[in-house]
N, C-alpha and C. Protein backbone atom coordinates (compact mmCIF):
# COMPACT_ATOMS: atom_id res chain seq x y z
N HIS A 1 0.75 -1.13 0.05
CA HIS A 1 0.02 0.08 -0.03
C HIS A 1 0.79 1.34 -0.01
N ILE A 2 1.76 1.28 0.71
CA ILE A 2 2.69 2.58 0.85
C ILE A 2 3.51 2.77 -0.58
N ASP A 3 4.01 1.80 -1.10
CA ASP A 3 4.67 2.06 -2.40
C ASP A 3 3.65 2.38 -3.60
N GLU A 4 2.43 1.86 -3.44
CA GLU A 4 1.59 2.15 -4.66
C GLU A 4 0.62 3.35 -4.35
N GLN A 5 0.47 3.62 -3.14
CA GLN A 5 -0.47 4.82 -2.89
C GLN A 5 0.19 6.06 -2.25
N LEU A 6 1.24 5.92 -1.48
CA LEU A 6 1.73 7.16 -0.62
C LEU A 6 3.07 7.66 -1.23
N VAL A 7 3.81 6.87 -2.00
CA VAL A 7 5.13 7.43 -2.61
C VAL A 7 5.05 8.02 -3.90
N ARG A 8 5.13 9.41 -3.85
CA ARG A 8 4.92 10.16 -5.22
C ARG A 8 6.44 10.01 -5.89
N ARG A 9 6.26 9.45 -7.13
CA ARG A 9 7.57 9.46 -7.88
C ARG A 9 7.82 10.88 -8.65
N PRO A 10 8.97 11.26 -8.80
CA PRO A 10 9.19 12.70 -9.36
C PRO A 10 8.87 12.71 -10.72
N ASN A 11 8.95 11.46 -11.50
CA ASN A 11 8.86 11.35 -12.91
C ASN A 11 8.23 10.13 -13.17
N ASP A 12 7.42 10.09 -14.39
CA ASP A 12 6.91 8.71 -14.80
C ASP A 12 7.95 7.57 -15.14
N VAL A 13 9.14 8.11 -15.50
CA VAL A 13 10.26 7.02 -15.81
C VAL A 13 10.33 6.07 -14.67
N PHE A 14 10.10 6.52 -13.29
CA PHE A 14 10.29 5.58 -12.18
C PHE A 14 9.41 4.36 -12.41
N TYR A 15 8.27 4.76 -12.74
CA TYR A 15 7.28 3.81 -12.94
C TYR A 15 7.70 2.76 -14.01
N ALA A 16 8.24 3.19 -15.05
CA ALA A 16 8.77 2.44 -16.07
C ALA A 16 9.95 1.48 -15.59
N MET A 17 10.82 2.11 -14.77
CA MET A 17 11.95 1.44 -14.33
C MET A 17 11.48 0.31 -13.38
N GLU A 18 10.46 0.62 -12.53
CA GLU A 18 9.87 -0.35 -11.54
C GLU A 18 9.34 -1.67 -12.30
N GLU A 19 8.71 -1.44 -13.37
CA GLU A 19 8.05 -2.42 -14.11
C GLU A 19 9.30 -3.24 -14.95
N PHE A 20 10.06 -2.58 -15.42
CA PHE A 20 11.24 -3.13 -16.25
C PHE A 20 11.98 -4.08 -15.10
N ALA A 21 12.25 -3.59 -13.97
CA ALA A 21 12.97 -4.28 -12.96
C ALA A 21 12.27 -5.62 -12.55
N LYS A 22 10.93 -5.36 -12.47
CA LYS A 22 9.93 -6.55 -12.11
C LYS A 22 10.23 -7.63 -13.23
N GLU A 23 9.87 -7.20 -14.40
CA GLU A 23 9.94 -8.21 -15.53
C GLU A 23 11.13 -8.81 -15.62
N LYS A 24 12.39 -8.11 -15.66
CA LYS A 24 13.59 -8.69 -15.67
C LYS A 24 14.19 -9.28 -14.42
N ASN A 25 13.54 -9.35 -13.44
CA ASN A 25 14.14 -9.86 -12.13
C ASN A 25 15.38 -9.11 -11.69
N ILE A 26 15.21 -7.82 -11.78
CA ILE A 26 16.55 -6.94 -11.44
C ILE A 26 16.13 -6.34 -10.00
N PRO A 27 16.92 -6.75 -9.03
CA PRO A 27 16.68 -6.05 -7.60
C PRO A 27 16.88 -4.50 -7.51
N ILE A 28 15.89 -3.83 -7.17
CA ILE A 28 15.98 -2.40 -6.97
C ILE A 28 15.43 -2.11 -5.49
N LEU A 29 15.57 -1.00 -5.05
CA LEU A 29 15.04 -0.42 -3.71
C LEU A 29 13.45 -0.29 -3.95
N SER A 30 12.79 -0.47 -2.87
CA SER A 30 11.29 -0.13 -2.84
C SER A 30 11.15 1.31 -3.09
N PRO A 31 10.17 1.69 -3.69
CA PRO A 31 9.76 3.22 -3.76
C PRO A 31 9.99 3.94 -2.43
N ALA A 32 9.26 3.27 -1.18
CA ALA A 32 9.42 3.91 0.07
C ALA A 32 10.81 4.04 0.45
N SER A 33 11.71 3.07 0.33
CA SER A 33 13.19 3.22 0.62
C SER A 33 13.80 4.28 -0.24
N SER A 34 13.46 4.36 -1.36
CA SER A 34 14.10 5.21 -2.25
C SER A 34 13.76 6.74 -1.92
N ALA A 35 12.44 6.79 -1.57
CA ALA A 35 11.88 8.16 -1.15
C ALA A 35 12.74 8.62 0.20
N VAL A 36 13.06 7.75 1.13
CA VAL A 36 13.89 7.93 2.25
C VAL A 36 15.13 8.40 1.79
N LEU A 37 15.80 7.63 1.07
CA LEU A 37 17.21 7.97 0.45
C LEU A 37 17.20 9.27 -0.08
N SER A 38 16.29 9.51 -0.94
CA SER A 38 16.09 10.92 -1.74
C SER A 38 15.98 11.97 -0.60
N LYS A 39 15.28 11.95 0.40
CA LYS A 39 15.10 12.95 1.45
C LYS A 39 16.39 13.00 2.16
N LEU A 40 17.09 11.92 2.61
CA LEU A 40 18.49 12.07 3.23
C LEU A 40 19.53 12.95 2.35
N ILE A 41 19.42 12.51 0.96
CA ILE A 41 20.42 13.40 -0.01
C ILE A 41 19.96 14.78 -0.14
N HIS A 42 18.68 14.95 -0.12
CA HIS A 42 18.22 16.35 -0.05
C HIS A 42 18.67 17.19 1.09
N TRP A 43 18.49 16.55 2.26
CA TRP A 43 18.93 17.12 3.41
C TRP A 43 20.35 17.46 3.70
N THR A 44 21.13 16.38 3.35
CA THR A 44 22.52 16.59 3.46
C THR A 44 23.27 17.34 2.28
N LYS A 45 22.87 17.21 1.08
CA LYS A 45 23.32 17.89 -0.14
C LYS A 45 24.86 17.61 -0.33
N PRO A 46 25.12 16.38 -0.35
CA PRO A 46 26.61 15.91 -0.47
C PRO A 46 27.06 16.50 -1.89
N LYS A 47 28.26 16.84 -1.95
CA LYS A 47 28.94 17.23 -3.10
C LYS A 47 29.26 15.87 -3.86
N ARG A 48 29.74 15.01 -3.37
CA ARG A 48 29.93 13.67 -4.21
C ARG A 48 29.31 12.46 -3.65
N ILE A 49 28.88 11.72 -4.34
CA ILE A 49 28.14 10.29 -3.97
C ILE A 49 28.80 9.24 -4.72
N PHE A 50 29.26 8.28 -4.05
CA PHE A 50 29.67 6.91 -4.59
C PHE A 50 28.70 5.80 -4.45
N GLU A 51 28.29 5.31 -5.43
CA GLU A 51 27.35 4.29 -5.45
C GLU A 51 27.88 2.92 -5.97
N PHE A 52 27.97 2.09 -4.97
CA PHE A 52 28.61 0.67 -5.32
C PHE A 52 27.44 -0.19 -5.51
N GLY A 53 27.43 -0.78 -6.67
CA GLY A 53 26.15 -1.67 -7.11
C GLY A 53 25.06 -1.04 -7.70
N THR A 54 25.40 -0.36 -8.84
CA THR A 54 24.19 0.34 -9.55
C THR A 54 23.11 -0.24 -9.87
N GLY A 55 23.12 -1.47 -10.30
CA GLY A 55 22.09 -2.26 -10.99
C GLY A 55 21.54 -1.47 -12.07
N LEU A 56 20.13 -1.16 -11.99
CA LEU A 56 19.36 -0.47 -13.16
C LEU A 56 19.53 0.98 -13.14
N GLY A 57 20.10 1.60 -11.92
CA GLY A 57 20.09 2.96 -11.80
C GLY A 57 19.01 3.67 -11.26
N TYR A 58 18.13 2.93 -10.68
CA TYR A 58 16.89 3.51 -10.00
C TYR A 58 17.20 4.20 -8.78
N SER A 59 17.86 3.71 -7.76
CA SER A 59 18.34 4.70 -6.69
C SER A 59 19.25 5.74 -7.05
N THR A 60 20.02 5.72 -8.18
CA THR A 60 20.75 6.70 -8.61
C THR A 60 19.87 7.94 -9.22
N LEU A 61 18.76 7.60 -9.77
CA LEU A 61 17.89 8.51 -10.31
C LEU A 61 17.22 9.22 -9.21
N TRP A 62 16.95 8.52 -8.13
CA TRP A 62 16.29 9.21 -6.98
C TRP A 62 17.18 10.25 -6.45
N MET A 63 18.51 9.76 -6.37
CA MET A 63 19.42 10.72 -5.57
C MET A 63 19.67 11.87 -6.48
N LEU A 64 19.66 11.76 -7.80
CA LEU A 64 19.84 12.84 -8.84
C LEU A 64 18.83 13.84 -8.61
N TYR A 65 17.63 13.37 -8.64
CA TYR A 65 16.36 14.28 -8.47
C TYR A 65 16.52 14.94 -7.28
N SER A 66 16.96 14.35 -6.03
CA SER A 66 16.88 15.04 -4.86
C SER A 66 18.11 16.06 -4.71
N ASN A 67 19.04 16.00 -5.36
CA ASN A 67 20.13 16.83 -5.32
C ASN A 67 20.90 16.98 -6.70
N PRO A 68 20.51 17.57 -7.70
CA PRO A 68 21.19 17.63 -9.00
C PRO A 68 22.52 18.09 -8.88
N ASP A 69 22.82 18.84 -7.85
CA ASP A 69 24.24 19.32 -7.91
C ASP A 69 25.34 18.40 -7.44
N SER A 70 24.91 17.14 -6.90
CA SER A 70 25.92 16.22 -6.40
C SER A 70 26.34 15.49 -7.66
N LYS A 71 27.85 15.13 -7.46
CA LYS A 71 28.43 14.54 -8.66
C LYS A 71 28.36 13.00 -8.14
N ILE A 72 27.65 12.15 -8.98
CA ILE A 72 27.51 10.74 -8.46
C ILE A 72 28.30 9.80 -9.46
N VAL A 73 29.10 9.05 -8.73
CA VAL A 73 29.99 8.10 -9.37
C VAL A 73 29.33 6.69 -9.10
N THR A 74 29.10 5.86 -10.01
CA THR A 74 28.53 4.53 -9.84
C THR A 74 29.42 3.50 -10.55
N ILE A 75 29.40 2.25 -9.74
CA ILE A 75 30.08 1.09 -10.40
C ILE A 75 29.15 -0.05 -10.21
N ASP A 76 29.29 -1.05 -11.11
CA ASP A 76 28.43 -2.24 -10.90
C ASP A 76 29.40 -3.32 -11.50
N ARG A 77 29.39 -4.43 -10.92
CA ARG A 77 30.24 -5.60 -11.46
C ARG A 77 29.55 -6.39 -12.63
N ASN A 78 28.52 -6.07 -12.84
CA ASN A 78 27.75 -6.66 -13.95
C ASN A 78 27.96 -5.93 -15.16
N GLU A 79 28.90 -6.02 -16.18
CA GLU A 79 29.13 -5.31 -17.05
C GLU A 79 28.05 -5.13 -18.11
N SER A 80 27.35 -6.31 -18.35
CA SER A 80 26.22 -6.23 -19.36
C SER A 80 24.98 -5.33 -18.84
N GLN A 81 24.94 -5.36 -17.46
CA GLN A 81 23.87 -4.43 -16.91
C GLN A 81 24.22 -2.91 -16.95
N SER A 82 25.51 -2.58 -16.90
CA SER A 82 26.12 -1.41 -16.96
C SER A 82 25.90 -0.89 -18.46
N LYS A 83 26.18 -1.64 -19.31
CA LYS A 83 25.94 -1.38 -20.82
C LYS A 83 24.62 -1.12 -21.23
N ARG A 84 23.68 -1.77 -20.45
CA ARG A 84 22.23 -1.56 -20.86
C ARG A 84 21.78 -0.27 -20.39
N MET A 85 22.28 0.17 -19.34
CA MET A 85 22.11 1.44 -18.66
C MET A 85 22.38 2.69 -19.60
N TYR A 86 23.51 2.55 -20.29
CA TYR A 86 24.02 3.73 -20.97
C TYR A 86 23.97 3.52 -22.44
N THR A 87 23.11 2.63 -22.89
CA THR A 87 23.01 2.59 -24.39
C THR A 87 21.62 2.80 -24.81
């Protein structure tokens, strides 16, 4: 109920990413967890963020929306997954 009814996504692309992750069995944060992460980034306004285990980039996008001035560096051990994100 929380993810479906209470968490407002900043953009419709989040819904598309959630559906894609579900179809392809790619683990991502829940929308509620992502919203908490987003608020933490918004409040602390870090200059740099290092994300280890990017996956689909869902949480990365939440962080970007919460503080577009942060420089986000991400890595993922799954090369084919990383290529899918940037092509």
